[in-house]
């Protein structure tokens, strides 16, 4: 915010289903994120997390 990098903490995605395929596992989850403190002016937004683990060697997460 205003050129300052701010840390807000952890995003917890509860109750998401892990789908297993041949050599890959994926999950998707959503959460409503409400900013507080210095970032309160940002309000709230929906956050979607999409992730996969490929052959237990590569992990990718997109928020």
Protein backbone atom coordinates (compact mmCIF):
# COMPACT_ATOMS: atom_id res chain seq x y z
CA UNK A 1 0.00 0.00 0.00
CA UNK A 2 1.51 3.32 -1.06
CA UNK A 3 4.60 1.42 -2.21
CA UNK A 4 4.97 -0.43 1.09
CA UNK A 5 4.99 -4.23 1.17
CA UNK A 6 2.67 -5.39 3.92
CA UNK A 7 2.31 -8.84 5.47
CA UNK A 8 -1.22 -9.82 6.46
CA UNK A 9 -0.77 -13.35 7.78
CA UNK A 10 -2.05 -16.71 6.64
CA UNK A 11 -4.92 -17.63 4.37
CA UNK A 12 -6.69 -20.76 5.59
CA UNK A 13 -8.81 -22.66 3.11
CA UNK A 14 -10.99 -25.13 5.02
CA UNK A 15 -12.95 -28.05 3.68
CA UNK A 16 -11.51 -28.22 0.18
CA UNK A 17 -11.59 -31.49 -1.69
CA UNK A 18 -8.30 -32.93 -2.92
CA UNK A 19 -8.74 -34.63 -6.30
CA UNK A 20 -6.25 -37.36 -7.14
CA UNK A 21 -5.40 -38.29 -10.70
CA UNK A 22 -2.61 -40.21 -12.39
CA UNK A 23 0.53 -38.59 -10.95
CA UNK A 24 -1.23 -35.37 -9.92
CA UNK A 25 -3.29 -34.11 -6.98
CA UNK A 26 -5.23 -30.82 -7.11
CA UNK A 27 -7.33 -28.68 -4.81
CA UNK A 28 -9.25 -25.43 -5.01
CA UNK A 29 -10.67 -23.35 -2.17
CA UNK A 30 -12.15 -19.94 -1.46
CA UNK A 31 -12.20 -17.53 1.47
CA UNK A 32 -13.41 -13.97 2.07
CA UNK A 33 -10.41 -11.89 3.18
CA UNK A 34 -11.15 -8.79 5.30
CA UNK A 35 -8.27 -6.37 5.77
CA UNK A 36 -7.66 -4.75 9.16
CA UNK A 37 -5.21 -2.36 10.81
CA UNK A 38 -3.15 -0.29 8.35
CA UNK A 39 -4.84 -2.03 5.42
CA UNK A 40 -8.44 -1.57 6.60
CA UNK A 41 -9.04 0.97 3.82
CA UNK A 42 -8.72 -1.90 1.33
CA UNK A 43 -11.95 -3.43 2.65
CA UNK A 44 -12.56 -7.08 1.77
CA UNK A 45 -12.14 -9.34 -1.22
CA UNK A 46 -12.74 -12.93 -2.24
CA UNK A 47 -9.60 -15.06 -2.47
CA UNK A 48 -9.39 -18.24 -4.55
CA UNK A 49 -6.53 -20.71 -4.13
CA UNK A 50 -5.74 -23.25 -6.85
CA UNK A 51 -2.96 -25.76 -6.33
CA UNK A 52 -1.46 -28.93 -7.69
CA UNK A 53 1.21 -31.46 -6.77
CA UNK A 54 2.73 -33.21 -9.78
CA UNK A 55 4.32 -36.63 -9.21
CA UNK A 56 5.13 -35.61 -5.62
CA UNK A 57 8.01 -33.51 -7.00
CA UNK A 58 6.56 -30.21 -8.09
CA UNK A 59 4.16 -28.06 -6.08
CA UNK A 60 2.42 -24.97 -7.40
CA UNK A 61 -0.07 -22.67 -5.69
CA UNK A 62 -1.89 -19.70 -7.21
CA UNK A 63 -3.71 -17.19 -5.02
